[in-house]
Amino acid sequence: MELLFNQLQLSVGQLGPNFLMLKDPVDHPAGDATLVVRIDQTERRWQVRLPTGISASSRRVAIENK
């Protein structure tokens, strides 16, 4: 799983109903992003909003469906 966010490509370790856990978080303000999930040969992408952005001090990131 990956999070594509303003030129960043971040690895996602876990996905929950309204959050995700990044493997290596960085500081970034709130905004829109694309979540990419690949299973076998199938890829799914959907748009999400990161209402509070990303903090390098926390792997957990709040997400909202767009």
Protein backbone atom coordinates (compact mmCIF):
# COMPACT_ATOMS: atom_id res chain seq x y z
CA MET A 1 0.00 0.00 0.00
CA GLU A 2 1.16 3.51 -0.75
CA LEU A 3 0.03 7.04 -0.12
CA LEU A 4 0.72 9.50 -2.93
CA PHE A 5 0.72 13.00 -1.50
CA ASN A 6 2.13 16.12 -3.22
CA GLN A 7 5.15 14.49 -4.90
CA LEU A 8 5.65 12.09 -1.96
CA GLN A 9 5.28 8.32 -2.20
CA LEU A 10 4.87 6.94 1.34
CA SER A 11 4.58 3.28 2.34
CA VAL A 12 1.45 2.37 4.30
CA GLY A 13 1.75 -0.43 6.83
CA GLN A 14 -1.88 -0.63 7.97
CA LEU A 15 -5.23 0.72 6.80
CA GLY A 16 -8.19 1.28 9.11
CA PRO A 17 -11.69 2.71 8.54
CA ASN A 18 -10.65 6.33 9.16
CA PHE A 19 -6.86 6.17 9.55
CA LEU A 20 -3.73 4.65 8.13
CA MET A 21 -0.34 3.87 9.62
CA LEU A 22 2.71 5.04 7.70
CA LYS A 23 5.96 3.10 7.83
CA ASP A 24 8.10 6.27 7.72
CA PRO A 25 6.07 9.43 8.47
CA VAL A 26 7.19 12.93 7.51
CA ASP A 27 5.84 16.37 8.35
CA HIS A 28 3.28 17.59 5.81
CA PRO A 29 0.23 19.87 6.06
CA ALA A 30 -3.36 18.79 5.42
CA GLY A 31 -4.49 18.12 1.85
CA ASP A 32 -5.77 15.62 -0.69
CA ALA A 33 -3.95 12.38 -1.48
CA THR A 34 -4.30 9.12 -3.39
CA LEU A 35 -4.29 5.78 -1.59
CA VAL A 36 -2.98 2.89 -3.71
CA VAL A 37 -3.61 -0.75 -2.75
CA ARG A 38 -2.14 -3.60 -4.81
CA ILE A 39 -3.21 -7.20 -4.27
CA ASP A 40 -1.70 -9.76 -6.62
CA GLN A 41 -2.07 -8.16 -10.08
CA THR A 42 -4.96 -5.87 -9.14
CA GLU A 43 -4.47 -2.23 -8.21
CA ARG A 44 -7.11 0.00 -6.64
CA ARG A 45 -6.77 3.76 -6.15
CA TRP A 46 -9.02 6.18 -4.36
CA GLN A 47 -8.90 9.80 -3.32
CA VAL A 48 -8.73 10.63 0.39
CA ARG A 49 -8.37 13.80 2.42
CA LEU A 50 -5.80 14.10 5.20
CA PRO A 51 -7.64 16.59 7.45
CA THR A 52 -4.79 17.02 9.93
CA GLY A 53 -1.88 16.32 7.59
CA ILE A 54 1.06 14.11 8.58
CA SER A 55 3.36 14.47 11.58
CA ALA A 56 6.83 12.94 11.57
CA SER A 57 6.33 12.15 15.26
CA SER A 58 3.30 9.86 14.69
CA ARG A 59 2.80 6.96 12.27
CA ARG A 60 -1.01 7.28 12.55
CA VAL A 61 -2.67 9.58 9.98
CA ALA A 62 -6.37 10.48 9.93
CA ILE A 63 -8.10 10.03 6.56
CA GLU A 64 -11.50 10.96 5.17
CA ASN A 65 -13.14 9.74 1.97
CA LYS A 66 -13.42 12.35 -0.75
